[in-house]
Amino acid sequence: MASEPLNEFFLGALTLSIAVLTILLYKLTSHKKEFRLPPGPRGLPIVGFLPFLRPNLHHQLTELSQQYGPIYKFWLGSRLCVVLNSPSLAKQVVCDQDSVFANRYPTIAGLMATYGGLDIGFSPYGSYWRDMRKLFVREMLSSRNLEACYSLRRHEVRKTIRNVHTKVGNPVDIAELAFLTEMNVVTSMIFGSDFVGEMEKHRKDGTEFRDLVVSFGAVMGKPNISDFFPMLARFDFQGIRKEMEAMLKLLDSILDPLINQRVKMLSDKREAEIQKNEERFYADPGRANGAERQWYITGLGENKGHLVGHYDWWD
């Protein structure tokens, strides 16, 4: 019958398509030794060593180092992992050859939490990362800034001590207390305002914020199948991307009012300085400095002729 050749044709086309897809998948996930890699345990095709990982991973890695030496490798899906179990090798990687080993595979949760890897922890090594590091060290970790923020740290510690004193005879959650104290210090250094006070203004509880930060760490530490097989990331089988998006939305609702308040404060300060300069300029334009003249000329460029006719300092 005529339908039989047609069925055979479709069957052959389907078989050929499956074969082509299998070859492409193997090419995408194959572990070609383009470089000289250390020895390591052999895994299964496509999934690598993933099925053999045990819950107590540190003990397993130590056992593998006793078998394969201080440096060995294995594949987790399409990701190559190299394990070091030697202080001298670790020094080579993190100190002597740090720029060579600076980059790593970013996780899906990490990219989501940092808006595409825009922070120091997940951005690739390069000029942007170096600029971020310089900015962070200069603005947050410099001796001058730490000394300038000494009063903030002292204020928060004393406030914590007073808080504990008022709860004598009652149970105290030390973890929560330490977390809030730390967050007060950090946010005071960044935003110049008190963390607990701002949380109360915006009806956010400090415990809620602490739980949110803890949840961030838990989600970022979850094993994600999309990290080992990037081609599956769009499907989000484990819902990690969706969970991280929800937490980011909640975090933004907490931090955005603080950021907006800081921006408004700087804007009001700048506007007050401009008004002050305007008053001084109108009072005695001949005593205005070069920067003030240039600012005023730029702002009133349409009235240059009028200004030239009245003031002889234009040139």
Protein backbone atom coordinates (compact mmCIF):
# COMPACT_ATOMS: atom_id res chain seq x y z
CA MET A 1 0.00 0.00 0.00
CA ALA A 2 1.06 3.62 -0.55
CA SER A 3 0.97 4.37 3.15
CA GLU A 4 3.66 1.81 3.97
CA PRO A 5 6.52 3.64 2.14
CA LEU A 6 5.33 6.86 3.74
CA ASN A 7 5.45 5.30 7.20
CA GLU A 8 8.89 3.91 6.50
CA PHE A 9 10.03 7.36 5.39
CA PHE A 10 8.80 9.01 8.60
CA LEU A 11 10.32 6.23 10.68
CA GLY A 12 13.67 6.71 8.97
CA ALA A 13 13.48 10.49 9.38
CA LEU A 14 12.67 10.08 13.07
CA THR A 15 15.57 7.68 13.58
CA LEU A 16 17.94 10.04 11.79
CA SER A 17 16.72 13.00 13.87
CA ILE A 18 17.26 11.09 17.11
CA ALA A 19 20.74 10.10 15.99
CA VAL A 20 21.62 13.71 15.10
CA LEU A 21 20.27 15.01 18.41
CA THR A 22 22.21 12.36 20.30
CA ILE A 23 25.43 13.32 18.52
CA LEU A 24 24.84 17.02 19.17
CA LEU A 25 24.12 16.37 22.83
CA TYR A 26 27.28 14.32 23.13
CA LYS A 27 29.30 17.07 21.44
CA LEU A 28 27.90 19.67 23.81
CA THR A 29 28.55 17.62 26.92
CA SER A 30 31.64 15.71 25.85
CA HIS A 31 34.75 16.24 27.95
CA LYS A 32 37.49 16.63 25.43
CA LYS A 33 40.93 16.90 26.95
CA GLU A 34 42.05 20.07 25.26
CA PHE A 35 44.47 20.69 28.12
CA ARG A 36 46.52 18.48 30.37
CA LEU A 37 44.16 17.77 33.24
CA PRO A 38 44.95 16.02 36.53
CA PRO A 39 43.67 12.48 37.10
CA GLY A 40 40.34 11.79 38.69
CA PRO A 41 37.43 9.38 38.99
CA ARG A 42 35.58 8.47 35.85
CA GLY A 43 31.91 9.32 35.71
CA LEU A 44 29.00 8.37 33.53
CA PRO A 45 28.29 9.87 30.10
CA ILE A 46 26.46 13.21 30.21
CA VAL A 47 25.91 13.27 34.01
CA GLY A 48 29.56 12.76 34.95
CA PHE A 49 30.29 12.10 38.63
CA LEU A 50 26.97 13.52 39.87
CA PRO A 51 25.32 10.16 40.72
CA PHE A 52 28.27 9.17 42.92
CA LEU A 53 28.30 12.22 45.22
CA ARG A 54 27.54 11.43 48.84
CA PRO A 55 25.89 13.71 51.43
CA ASN A 56 29.13 14.10 53.42
CA LEU A 57 30.99 15.70 50.56
CA HIS A 58 34.08 16.82 52.49
CA HIS A 59 34.85 13.29 53.63
CA GLN A 60 34.36 11.98 50.11
CA LEU A 61 36.70 14.59 48.62
CA THR A 62 39.33 13.69 51.21
CA GLU A 63 39.02 10.02 50.33
CA LEU A 64 39.40 10.82 46.63
CA SER A 65 42.53 12.88 47.35
CA GLN A 66 44.08 9.86 49.06
CA GLN A 67 43.44 7.86 45.91
CA TYR A 68 44.27 10.39 43.16
CA GLY A 69 46.68 12.77 44.88
CA PRO A 70 46.58 16.38 46.12
CA ILE A 71 45.01 17.62 42.88
CA TYR A 72 42.36 15.79 40.88
CA LYS A 73 39.36 16.51 38.72
CA PHE A 74 35.90 15.18 37.97
CA TRP A 75 32.96 16.30 35.90
CA LEU A 76 29.58 17.33 37.28
CA GLY A 77 27.38 17.30 34.22
CA SER A 78 29.09 19.63 31.75
CA ARG A 79 31.10 21.41 34.46
CA LEU A 80 34.73 20.60 35.16
CA CYS A 81 35.67 20.60 38.85
CA VAL A 82 39.27 20.60 40.09
CA VAL A 83 39.88 19.81 43.76
CA LEU A 84 43.01 20.89 45.66
CA ASN A 85 44.02 19.17 48.88
CA SER A 86 47.41 20.76 49.48
CA PRO A 87 48.33 24.09 51.15
CA SER A 88 51.11 24.73 48.64
CA LEU A 89 48.78 24.20 45.68
CA ALA A 90 46.12 26.37 47.29
CA LYS A 91 48.71 29.14 47.68
CA GLN A 92 49.57 28.85 44.00
CA VAL A 93 45.92 29.27 43.05
CA VAL A 94 44.76 32.01 45.42
CA CYS A 95 48.00 34.00 45.66
CA ASP A 96 50.59 33.39 42.97
CA GLN A 97 48.26 32.65 40.04
CA ASP A 98 45.09 34.29 41.31
CA SER A 99 44.33 36.18 38.09
CA VAL A 100 44.43 32.93 36.10
CA PHE A 101 41.98 31.16 38.42
CA ALA A 102 39.84 34.20 39.27
CA ASN A 103 36.86 33.27 37.10
CA ARG A 104 34.47 30.42 37.78
CA TYR A 105 31.10 29.18 36.63
CA PRO A 106 28.43 31.51 38.08
CA THR A 107 25.38 29.81 39.52
CA ILE A 108 21.87 30.65 38.37
CA ALA A 109 20.87 31.75 41.87
CA GLY A 110 24.02 33.86 42.21
CA LEU A 111 23.38 35.64 38.93
CA MET A 112 19.80 36.34 39.96
CA ALA A 113 20.78 37.64 43.40
CA THR A 114 23.40 40.01 41.94
CA TYR A 115 21.34 41.25 38.99
CA GLY A 116 23.41 39.44 36.42
CA GLY A 117 26.71 39.21 38.31
CA LEU A 118 27.23 42.92 39.02
CA ASP A 119 28.83 42.53 42.46
CA ILE A 120 32.36 41.66 43.51
CA GLY A 121 31.56 38.02 44.25
CA PHE A 122 30.09 36.99 40.89
CA SER A 123 31.34 39.48 38.30
CA PRO A 124 34.06 38.12 35.98
CA TYR A 125 37.64 39.20 36.52
CA GLY A 126 38.41 42.31 34.51
CA SER A 127 38.43 46.10 34.58
CA TYR A 128 34.89 46.29 36.02
CA TRP A 129 35.76 43.92 38.85
CA ARG A 130 38.95 45.83 39.63
CA ASP A 131 37.05 49.13 39.73
CA MET A 132 34.44 47.61 42.02
CA ARG A 133 37.12 46.29 44.32
CA LYS A 134 38.89 49.66 44.49
CA LEU A 135 35.60 51.41 45.21
CA PHE A 136 34.67 48.93 47.93
CA VAL A 137 38.05 49.12 49.63
CA ARG A 138 38.19 52.91 49.42
CA GLU A 139 34.64 53.58 50.60
CA MET A 140 34.15 50.77 53.12
CA LEU A 141 37.46 49.30 54.27
CA SER A 142 39.86 52.23 54.25
CA SER A 143 41.41 53.28 57.57
CA ARG A 144 39.98 56.76 57.19
CA ASN A 145 36.44 55.49 56.69
CA LEU A 146 36.68 52.96 59.52
CA GLU A 147 37.91 55.68 61.88
CA ALA A 148 35.15 58.02 60.72
CA CYS A 149 32.53 55.34 61.44
CA TYR A 150 33.90 54.53 64.90
CA SER A 151 31.17 56.56 66.58
CA LEU A 152 28.50 54.62 64.65
CA ARG A 153 29.89 51.29 65.80
CA ARG A 154 30.20 52.49 69.39
CA HIS A 155 26.65 53.83 69.33
CA GLU A 156 25.21 50.54 68.06
CA VAL A 157 27.15 48.45 70.57
CA ARG A 158 26.04 50.64 73.46
CA LYS A 159 22.45 50.52 72.23
CA THR A 160 22.63 46.73 72.10
CA ILE A 161 23.99 46.60 75.65
CA ARG A 162 21.15 48.82 76.86
CA ASN A 163 18.68 46.61 75.03
CA VAL A 164 20.04 43.51 76.77
CA HIS A 165 19.97 45.30 80.13
CA THR A 166 16.26 46.04 79.75
CA LYS A 167 15.59 42.31 79.27
CA VAL A 168 17.27 41.10 82.45
CA GLY A 169 15.49 37.96 83.61
CA ASN A 170 14.00 37.29 80.17
CA PRO A 171 15.35 35.05 77.39
CA VAL A 172 17.41 36.84 74.74
CA ASP A 173 17.94 35.61 71.20
CA ILE A 174 21.69 36.22 70.87
CA ALA A 175 21.73 35.32 67.16
CA GLU A 176 19.03 37.85 66.34
CA LEU A 177 20.63 40.48 68.57
CA ALA A 178 24.06 40.05 66.98
CA PHE A 179 22.58 40.08 63.48
CA LEU A 180 20.61 43.29 64.05
CA THR A 181 23.63 44.98 65.62
CA GLU A 182 25.79 44.04 62.66
CA MET A 183 23.17 45.18 60.17
CA ASN A 184 22.74 48.47 62.04
CA VAL A 185 26.46 49.16 61.74
CA VAL A 186 26.67 48.22 58.06
CA THR A 187 23.57 50.13 56.97
CA SER A 188 24.62 53.14 59.02
CA MET A 189 27.94 53.17 57.18
CA ILE A 190 26.20 52.82 53.82
CA PHE A 191 23.03 54.87 54.21
CA GLY A 192 23.90 57.08 57.14
CA SER A 193 20.71 56.13 58.99
CA ASP A 194 19.64 53.67 61.64
CA PHE A 195 18.56 50.27 60.37
CA VAL A 196 16.01 49.43 63.06
CA GLY A 197 14.43 52.87 62.87
CA GLU A 198 14.06 52.67 59.10
CA MET A 199 12.63 49.17 59.31
CA GLU A 200 10.00 50.42 61.73
CA LYS A 201 9.21 53.39 59.49
CA HIS A 202 8.60 51.12 56.53
CA ARG A 203 6.89 48.49 58.69
CA LYS A 204 9.58 45.91 58.20
CA ASP A 205 10.61 43.76 61.10
CA GLY A 206 14.28 43.11 61.72
CA THR A 207 13.52 39.43 62.20
CA GLU A 208 11.92 39.32 58.77
CA PHE A 209 15.02 40.86 57.23
CA ARG A 210 17.26 38.41 59.05
CA ASP A 211 15.16 35.48 57.83
CA LEU A 212 15.35 36.88 54.31
CA VAL A 213 19.15 37.06 54.41
CA VAL A 214 19.31 33.50 55.77
CA SER A 215 16.96 32.34 53.00
CA PHE A 216 19.20 34.01 50.43
CA GLY A 217 22.15 31.97 51.63
CA ALA A 218 20.12 28.77 51.69
CA VAL A 219 18.79 29.19 48.15
CA MET A 220 22.20 30.13 46.75
CA GLY A 221 23.66 27.00 48.35
CA LYS A 222 21.06 24.63 46.93
CA PRO A 223 22.29 22.20 44.26
CA ASN A 224 20.67 23.28 41.00
CA ILE A 225 20.49 20.97 38.01
CA SER A 226 20.60 24.05 35.76
CA ASP A 227 24.09 24.88 37.05
CA PHE A 228 25.41 21.54 35.78
CA PHE A 229 23.38 21.56 32.54
CA PRO A 230 23.02 25.20 31.39
CA MET A 231 20.80 24.15 28.49
CA LEU A 232 18.10 23.30 31.07
CA ALA A 233 18.23 26.70 32.80
CA ARG A 234 15.25 28.08 30.88
CA PHE A 235 12.96 25.40 32.32
CA ASP A 236 13.82 26.05 36.00
CA PHE A 237 12.81 22.53 37.05
CA GLN A 238 13.56 23.12 40.75
CA GLY A 239 11.95 26.57 40.92
CA ILE A 240 15.12 28.20 42.24
CA ARG A 241 14.95 31.11 39.79
CA LYS A 242 11.33 31.79 40.74
CA GLU A 243 12.13 31.58 44.45
CA MET A 244 15.06 33.96 44.09
CA GLU A 245 12.95 36.45 42.12
CA ALA A 246 10.37 36.50 44.93
CA MET A 247 13.06 37.13 47.56
CA LEU A 248 14.63 39.87 45.44
CA LYS A 249 11.28 41.59 45.19
CA LEU A 250 10.90 41.48 48.97
CA LEU A 251 14.47 42.70 49.50
CA ASP A 252 13.92 45.60 47.11
CA SER A 253 10.80 46.59 49.04
CA ILE A 254 12.97 46.87 52.16
CA LEU A 255 16.03 48.59 50.69
CA ASP A 256 14.43 50.87 48.08
CA PRO A 257 12.96 53.27 50.69
CA LEU A 258 16.40 53.58 52.29
CA ILE A 259 18.06 54.26 48.94
CA ASN A 260 15.36 56.75 47.90
CA GLN A 261 15.71 58.56 51.21
CA ARG A 262 19.47 58.83 50.72
CA VAL A 263 19.09 60.08 47.14
CA LYS A 264 16.51 62.66 48.24
CA MET A 265 18.76 63.86 51.05
CA LEU A 266 21.68 64.35 48.65
CA SER A 267 19.41 66.07 46.13
CA ASP A 268 18.05 68.46 48.77
CA LYS A 269 21.58 69.22 49.94
CA ARG A 270 22.70 69.94 46.38
CA GLU A 271 19.70 72.18 45.76
CA ALA A 272 20.38 74.10 48.96
CA GLU A 273 23.98 74.69 47.88
CA ILE A 274 22.82 75.94 44.48
CA GLN A 275 20.38 78.37 46.08
CA LYS A 276 23.10 79.59 48.41
CA ASN A 277 25.46 80.20 45.47
CA GLU A 278 22.70 82.02 43.60
CA GLU A 279 22.11 84.36 46.51
CA ARG A 280 25.81 85.14 46.78
CA PHE A 281 26.07 85.61 43.02
CA TYR A 282 23.21 88.11 42.88
CA ALA A 283 24.48 89.92 45.96
CA ASP A 284 27.97 90.49 44.51
CA PRO A 285 28.57 88.90 41.07
CA GLY A 286 31.99 90.48 40.77
CA ARG A 287 33.31 88.31 43.63
CA ALA A 288 32.08 85.02 42.16
CA ASN A 289 34.83 82.51 41.44
CA GLY A 290 35.49 80.92 38.07
CA ALA A 291 33.47 77.77 38.74
CA GLU A 292 30.46 79.77 39.92
CA ARG A 293 30.64 82.03 36.87
CA GLN A 294 30.83 79.08 34.52
CA TRP A 295 27.90 77.41 36.26
CA TYR A 296 25.80 80.56 36.05
CA ILE A 297 26.75 81.24 32.44
CA THR A 298 25.82 77.69 31.47
CA GLY A 299 22.48 77.92 33.23
CA LEU A 300 21.59 81.32 31.76
CA GLY A 301 23.15 80.94 28.34
CA GLU A 302 20.18 82.56 26.65
CA ASN A 303 20.81 85.85 28.48
CA LYS A 304 24.50 86.25 27.67
CA GLY A 305 23.94 89.58 25.98
CA HIS A 306 22.12 90.95 28.96
CA LEU A 307 24.90 89.83 31.29
CA VAL A 308 27.63 91.28 29.07
CA GLY A 309 25.90 94.60 29.07
CA HIS A 310 25.84 94.79 32.85
CA TYR A 311 29.08 93.17 34.07
CA ASP A 312 32.55 93.86 32.82
CA TRP A 313 34.04 90.62 34.24
CA TRP A 314 32.59 88.39 31.48
CA ASP A 315 35.85 88.24 29.56
